[in-house]
Amino acid sequence: MLLIYIENKDLLSKIINYLDHTSIKYTTNLKDNYDYILLAEISKKTIELSYEKKIIFITYLIENKIYLNYNSKNKKNNIYKNNLNNFFNKCFQIITSNNYIKEMINKNFNKNTVTIEHILPDVKISKNIYNKYKLNKRKKILLIDINYQHIKDLYLLCYLYPKYDFIYIGYKPSYLMKKKDIENLNNLPNNVIYIKYYDLNIYSDLCKISELVINYEDINLDIKYLYTILLLKKQLLIKESRYFDNFLLDNKNCYFFKDNKELILKIKKIFNNRITNLTSESYELIKNNTFDEIVKKFNKYLNVK
């Protein structure tokens, strides 16, 4: 019997929904007799529950944290890594959605680690997008810089491409920003559309009307947003990052850039049709991440005896 103990209600309901379509025998009743336990968080409670049980750990909720801590070397990061290492050593199986995280775990532990991808989002596109957001119909580029680390780069792009509007999404309070960045953000060029709030529906709308998406983030803040770009078959330029290893491949299903010089060169080539449009190749990466296919993988990897 497999006990499902996940404190995050959204993930819990998602996993239960998958398992209801499998042959796996599971319970959420702590009083039931179980030999395996599926966890997604590491806490005093989960450790107590898993005592003398076979732990199956799903990393979905902490993959970004794993990536950031394993790629840093300060004292705080080392403490986190040591604690995580101790926990992973106790696990019977580990499930991840990210191939780089899977390889990182396999490199450090001799574990049964498997990848089960996230399901595709239900992308809904509004009618009359331009009217809804009070936008003009000039050509647009969606620029993702959630932590406002590339405001200067935005200025440069606006200067180089004045005929394009740049949709700049996200919000960060002033008390978390440098004075110079606050000044730049308060005086954005005229061809910047600054969107302070967005959800997946708003993001999908803005992505739909953009000719190009530039992603400065070195990790994936939410896989649904990356999947949306690929689903809508948008040209994607993404800052080089190991987080996307063995998923996104440069010059095969998207284009990476190391710095602004390389970014500008690739934008120029895209607009002049001098490099291949890879949107169909990127769509192929995710087209099979359907409910039925994800259920098959859970049935395969969680069908414990």
Protein backbone atom coordinates (compact mmCIF):
# COMPACT_ATOMS: atom_id res chain seq x y z
CA MET A 1 0.00 0.00 0.00
CA LEU A 2 1.21 3.50 -0.84
CA LEU A 3 0.45 6.38 1.51
CA ILE A 4 0.17 9.75 -0.24
CA TYR A 5 1.21 12.50 2.15
CA ILE A 6 1.62 15.86 0.41
CA GLU A 7 0.90 19.04 2.33
CA ASN A 8 0.63 21.21 -0.79
CA LYS A 9 -3.05 20.82 -1.71
CA ASP A 10 -2.66 21.67 -5.39
CA LEU A 11 0.00 19.04 -5.94
CA LEU A 12 -1.83 16.55 -3.73
CA SER A 13 -5.05 16.80 -5.73
CA LYS A 14 -3.12 16.58 -9.00
CA ILE A 15 -1.31 13.39 -7.94
CA ILE A 16 -4.52 11.84 -6.58
CA ASN A 17 -6.25 12.59 -9.86
CA TYR A 18 -3.49 10.78 -11.75
CA LEU A 19 -3.53 7.79 -9.41
CA ASP A 20 -7.30 7.41 -9.66
CA HIS A 21 -6.72 6.50 -13.31
CA THR A 22 -4.08 3.87 -12.52
CA SER A 23 -4.09 0.43 -10.91
CA ILE A 24 -2.06 1.68 -7.95
CA LYS A 25 -3.40 0.96 -4.48
CA TYR A 26 -3.00 4.07 -2.37
CA THR A 27 -4.39 5.72 0.73
CA THR A 28 -4.37 9.12 2.42
CA ASN A 29 -5.40 7.66 5.76
CA LEU A 30 -2.49 7.71 8.22
CA LYS A 31 -4.05 4.83 10.17
CA ASP A 32 -3.95 2.45 7.23
CA ASN A 33 -1.23 -0.15 6.92
CA TYR A 34 1.29 1.01 4.33
CA ASP A 35 4.85 0.10 3.35
CA TYR A 36 5.57 2.98 0.95
CA ILE A 37 5.02 6.70 1.38
CA LEU A 38 4.96 9.35 -1.35
CA LEU A 39 6.28 12.71 -0.14
CA ALA A 40 6.88 16.09 -1.79
CA GLU A 41 8.11 18.10 1.21
CA ILE A 42 10.85 17.57 3.77
CA SER A 43 9.74 18.46 7.28
CA LYS A 44 9.78 17.05 10.80
CA LYS A 45 6.29 15.65 10.20
CA THR A 46 7.15 13.88 6.93
CA ILE A 47 10.33 12.41 8.39
CA GLU A 48 8.41 11.03 11.37
CA LEU A 49 5.76 9.51 9.09
CA SER A 50 8.34 7.87 6.86
CA TYR A 51 10.21 6.15 9.67
CA GLU A 52 10.84 2.51 8.67
CA LYS A 53 8.88 3.07 5.44
CA LYS A 54 10.12 3.10 1.85
CA ILE A 55 10.15 6.74 0.75
CA ILE A 56 9.21 7.80 -2.75
CA PHE A 57 10.00 11.49 -3.05
CA ILE A 58 8.67 13.74 -5.80
CA THR A 59 10.81 16.85 -6.29
CA TYR A 60 8.30 19.05 -8.15
CA LEU A 61 7.99 21.64 -5.36
CA ILE A 62 11.71 22.08 -4.69
CA GLU A 63 13.44 21.68 -8.05
CA ASN A 64 14.33 25.35 -8.38
CA LYS A 65 15.64 25.34 -4.83
CA ILE A 66 17.72 22.22 -5.51
CA TYR A 67 19.19 23.84 -8.61
CA LEU A 68 20.07 27.11 -6.89
CA ASN A 69 21.62 25.48 -3.84
CA TYR A 70 23.62 22.87 -5.70
CA ASN A 71 25.09 25.55 -7.95
CA SER A 72 26.18 27.79 -5.06
CA LYS A 73 28.92 27.24 -2.53
CA ASN A 74 28.28 29.50 0.45
CA LYS A 75 27.71 28.18 3.96
CA LYS A 76 23.91 28.41 3.80
CA ASN A 77 23.79 26.49 0.53
CA ASN A 78 26.11 23.80 1.87
CA ILE A 79 23.87 23.28 4.90
CA TYR A 80 20.86 22.83 2.63
CA LYS A 81 22.78 20.40 0.40
CA ASN A 82 23.93 18.34 3.38
CA ASN A 83 20.40 18.11 4.77
CA LEU A 84 19.03 17.19 1.36
CA ASN A 85 21.76 14.61 0.84
CA ASN A 86 20.93 12.98 4.17
CA PHE A 87 17.27 12.79 3.23
CA PHE A 88 17.86 11.50 -0.30
CA ASN A 89 20.04 8.73 1.09
CA LYS A 90 16.95 7.42 2.87
CA CYS A 91 14.78 7.41 -0.26
CA PHE A 92 13.77 4.29 -2.12
CA GLN A 93 12.87 6.20 -5.28
CA ILE A 94 12.97 9.81 -6.49
CA ILE A 95 10.69 11.32 -9.13
CA THR A 96 11.62 14.57 -10.85
CA SER A 97 10.15 16.60 -13.70
CA ASN A 98 13.52 17.97 -14.81
CA ASN A 99 16.27 15.96 -16.51
CA TYR A 100 19.06 18.14 -15.18
CA ILE A 101 17.83 17.64 -11.61
CA LYS A 102 17.59 13.90 -12.32
CA GLU A 103 21.21 13.80 -13.51
CA MET A 104 22.34 15.87 -10.54
CA ILE A 105 20.71 13.40 -8.15
CA ASN A 106 22.07 10.37 -9.99
CA LYS A 107 25.54 11.89 -9.90
CA ASN A 108 25.45 12.23 -6.12
CA PHE A 109 23.35 9.20 -5.17
CA ASN A 110 22.94 5.68 -6.39
CA LYS A 111 19.18 6.02 -6.54
CA ASN A 112 16.28 4.90 -8.67
CA THR A 113 15.53 8.31 -10.16
CA VAL A 114 12.93 8.76 -12.91
CA THR A 115 11.44 11.67 -14.81
CA ILE A 116 7.71 12.30 -15.04
CA GLU A 117 7.05 15.56 -16.85
CA HIS A 118 4.38 18.09 -15.96
CA ILE A 119 1.13 17.99 -17.88
CA LEU A 120 0.52 20.58 -20.57
CA PRO A 121 -1.39 23.67 -19.43
CA ASP A 122 -4.85 24.44 -20.71
CA VAL A 123 -3.95 27.47 -22.77
CA LYS A 124 -6.93 29.76 -23.32
CA ILE A 125 -6.58 32.73 -25.60
CA SER A 126 -8.86 35.75 -25.23
CA LYS A 127 -10.71 37.35 -28.10
CA ASN A 128 -9.82 40.91 -29.01
CA ILE A 129 -6.54 40.83 -27.08
CA TYR A 130 -5.48 44.28 -28.26
CA ASN A 131 -8.69 45.86 -27.00
CA LYS A 132 -8.67 43.90 -23.74
CA TYR A 133 -5.24 45.21 -22.74
CA LYS A 134 -5.54 48.55 -24.56
CA LEU A 135 -2.63 47.78 -26.86
CA ASN A 136 -1.75 49.11 -30.27
CA LYS A 137 -1.11 46.69 -33.12
CA ARG A 138 2.58 47.32 -33.57
CA LYS A 139 4.85 44.27 -33.62
CA LYS A 140 5.69 43.02 -30.14
CA ILE A 141 8.41 41.15 -28.28
CA LEU A 142 7.72 39.52 -24.92
CA LEU A 143 10.64 39.92 -22.51
CA ILE A 144 10.78 37.82 -19.33
CA ASP A 145 12.94 39.30 -16.58
CA ILE A 146 11.03 38.51 -13.39
CA ASN A 147 13.77 39.67 -11.01
CA TYR A 148 14.49 42.92 -12.87
CA GLN A 149 18.13 42.08 -13.44
CA HIS A 150 18.20 43.22 -17.06
CA ILE A 151 16.50 46.60 -17.16
CA LYS A 152 19.57 48.12 -18.83
CA ASP A 153 19.41 45.42 -21.48
CA LEU A 154 15.76 46.30 -22.08
CA TYR A 155 16.79 49.92 -22.73
CA LEU A 156 19.35 48.77 -25.30
CA LEU A 157 16.86 46.53 -27.10
CA CYS A 158 14.29 49.33 -27.20
CA TYR A 159 16.89 51.60 -28.78
CA LEU A 160 17.91 49.01 -31.37
CA TYR A 161 14.34 48.04 -32.27
CA PRO A 162 12.21 51.19 -31.98
CA LYS A 163 9.55 49.78 -34.31
CA TYR A 164 8.76 47.03 -31.82
CA ASP A 165 6.92 47.23 -28.53
CA PHE A 166 8.53 45.28 -25.70
CA ILE A 167 6.12 43.67 -23.24
CA TYR A 168 7.92 43.65 -19.89
CA ILE A 169 6.14 41.55 -17.30
CA GLY A 170 6.45 41.19 -13.54
CA TYR A 171 6.49 43.25 -10.39
CA LYS A 172 9.06 43.86 -7.67
CA PRO A 173 8.57 46.30 -4.77
CA SER A 174 11.00 49.19 -4.46
CA TYR A 175 12.40 47.99 -1.12
CA LEU A 176 13.89 45.00 -2.94
CA MET A 177 15.46 47.06 -5.72
CA LYS A 178 18.56 49.17 -6.21
CA LYS A 179 18.03 52.92 -6.51
CA LYS A 180 19.30 53.01 -10.10
CA ASP A 181 16.96 50.19 -11.15
CA ILE A 182 14.02 52.03 -9.57
CA GLU A 183 14.88 55.13 -11.58
CA ASN A 184 15.18 53.13 -14.80
CA LEU A 185 11.91 51.33 -14.15
CA ASN A 186 10.12 54.62 -13.53
CA ASN A 187 11.40 56.05 -16.82
CA LEU A 188 10.98 53.23 -19.27
CA PRO A 189 11.23 53.95 -23.02
CA ASN A 190 8.01 54.73 -24.85
CA ASN A 191 8.00 51.38 -26.63
CA VAL A 192 7.80 49.39 -23.40
CA ILE A 193 4.49 47.93 -22.22
CA TYR A 194 4.93 47.31 -18.51
CA ILE A 195 2.63 44.57 -17.16
CA LYS A 196 2.78 44.40 -13.35
CA TYR A 197 0.36 41.55 -12.84
CA TYR A 198 -0.02 38.41 -14.91
CA ASP A 199 -1.40 34.92 -14.56
CA LEU A 200 -1.30 32.10 -17.08
CA ASN A 201 -4.28 33.48 -19.04
CA ILE A 202 -2.80 36.98 -19.29
CA TYR A 203 0.59 35.51 -20.13
CA SER A 204 -0.92 33.35 -22.87
CA ASP A 205 -2.64 36.36 -24.41
CA LEU A 206 0.56 38.41 -24.42
CA CYS A 207 2.58 35.53 -25.75
CA LYS A 208 0.06 34.99 -28.55
CA ILE A 209 0.50 38.51 -29.96
CA SER A 210 4.31 38.51 -29.62
CA GLU A 211 6.56 37.61 -32.51
CA LEU A 212 9.44 36.65 -30.27
CA VAL A 213 9.94 35.66 -26.62
CA ILE A 214 13.18 36.51 -24.80
CA ASN A 215 13.69 34.71 -21.51
CA TYR A 216 16.43 36.07 -19.23
CA GLU A 217 15.59 33.71 -16.36
CA ASP A 218 18.21 31.02 -15.68
CA ILE A 219 15.65 28.74 -14.00
CA ASN A 220 12.09 27.90 -14.81
CA LEU A 221 9.83 29.75 -12.38
CA ASP A 222 6.80 27.78 -13.52
CA ILE A 223 6.90 25.14 -16.22
CA LYS A 224 3.40 26.11 -17.43
CA TYR A 225 4.80 29.39 -18.77
CA LEU A 226 7.59 27.73 -20.70
CA TYR A 227 5.16 25.14 -22.07
CA THR A 228 2.86 27.96 -23.20
CA ILE A 229 5.60 29.46 -25.36
CA LEU A 230 6.26 26.09 -26.96
CA LEU A 231 2.57 25.28 -27.39
CA LEU A 232 1.96 28.57 -29.17
CA LYS A 233 5.00 27.90 -31.36
CA LYS A 234 6.75 31.14 -30.58
CA GLN A 235 10.37 31.82 -31.44
CA LEU A 236 12.26 31.50 -28.16
CA LEU A 237 15.57 33.05 -27.17
CA ILE A 238 16.63 31.90 -23.73
CA LYS A 239 19.60 32.78 -21.55
CA GLU A 240 22.04 29.89 -21.32
CA SER A 241 21.35 27.72 -18.29
CA ARG A 242 22.14 24.17 -17.22
CA TYR A 243 18.64 23.93 -15.78
CA PHE A 244 17.36 23.19 -19.28
CA ASP A 245 20.02 20.56 -20.10
CA ASN A 246 18.67 17.47 -21.88
CA PHE A 247 15.42 19.26 -22.59
CA LEU A 248 16.00 22.41 -24.60
CA LEU A 249 18.90 22.11 -27.00
CA ASP A 250 20.56 25.12 -28.59
CA ASN A 251 20.08 25.33 -32.36
CA LYS A 252 17.84 22.27 -32.28
CA ASN A 253 14.59 23.32 -30.59
CA CYS A 254 15.38 26.86 -29.42
CA TYR A 255 18.22 29.40 -29.39
CA PHE A 256 20.34 30.17 -26.35
CA PHE A 257 22.37 33.31 -25.75
CA LYS A 258 25.27 33.91 -23.35
CA ASP A 259 25.22 37.70 -23.31
CA ASN A 260 23.66 40.72 -24.97
CA LYS A 261 26.04 40.63 -27.91
CA GLU A 262 24.94 37.11 -28.79
CA LEU A 263 21.29 37.92 -28.10
CA ILE A 264 21.28 40.89 -30.46
CA LEU A 265 23.04 38.88 -33.17
CA LYS A 266 20.43 36.10 -32.97
CA ILE A 267 17.52 38.56 -32.95
CA LYS A 268 18.93 40.09 -36.11
CA LYS A 269 19.24 36.68 -37.75
CA ILE A 270 15.69 35.72 -36.78
CA PHE A 271 14.20 38.93 -38.15
CA ASN A 272 16.20 38.55 -41.37
CA ASN A 273 15.24 34.86 -41.73
CA ARG A 274 18.90 33.83 -41.61
CA ILE A 275 18.42 31.05 -39.08
CA THR A 276 15.88 28.21 -38.96
CA ASN A 277 12.53 28.66 -37.31
CA LEU A 278 12.61 25.98 -34.59
CA THR A 279 9.09 26.36 -33.24
CA SER A 280 7.86 23.05 -34.65
CA GLU A 281 10.83 21.23 -33.13
CA SER A 282 10.18 22.78 -29.72
CA TYR A 283 6.51 21.83 -29.92
CA GLU A 284 7.53 18.21 -30.55
CA LEU A 285 9.26 18.18 -27.14
CA ILE A 286 6.04 18.58 -25.20
CA LYS A 287 3.19 17.45 -27.44
CA ASN A 288 3.00 14.06 -25.66
CA ASN A 289 2.78 15.51 -22.14
CA THR A 290 -0.92 14.73 -22.09
CA PHE A 291 -2.98 13.48 -19.18
CA ASP A 292 -3.05 9.92 -20.52
CA GLU A 293 0.72 9.79 -21.03
CA ILE A 294 1.47 11.20 -17.58
CA VAL A 295 -0.92 8.67 -16.03
CA LYS A 296 0.94 5.85 -17.80
CA LYS A 297 4.21 6.97 -16.28
CA PHE A 298 2.79 7.19 -12.77
CA ASN A 299 1.27 3.75 -13.21
CA LYS A 300 4.65 2.41 -14.32
CA TYR A 301 6.86 4.02 -11.70
CA LEU A 302 4.55 3.99 -8.66
CA ASN A 303 3.11 0.52 -9.06
CA VAL A 304 4.90 -0.74 -5.97
CA LYS A 305 4.23 -4.17 -4.58
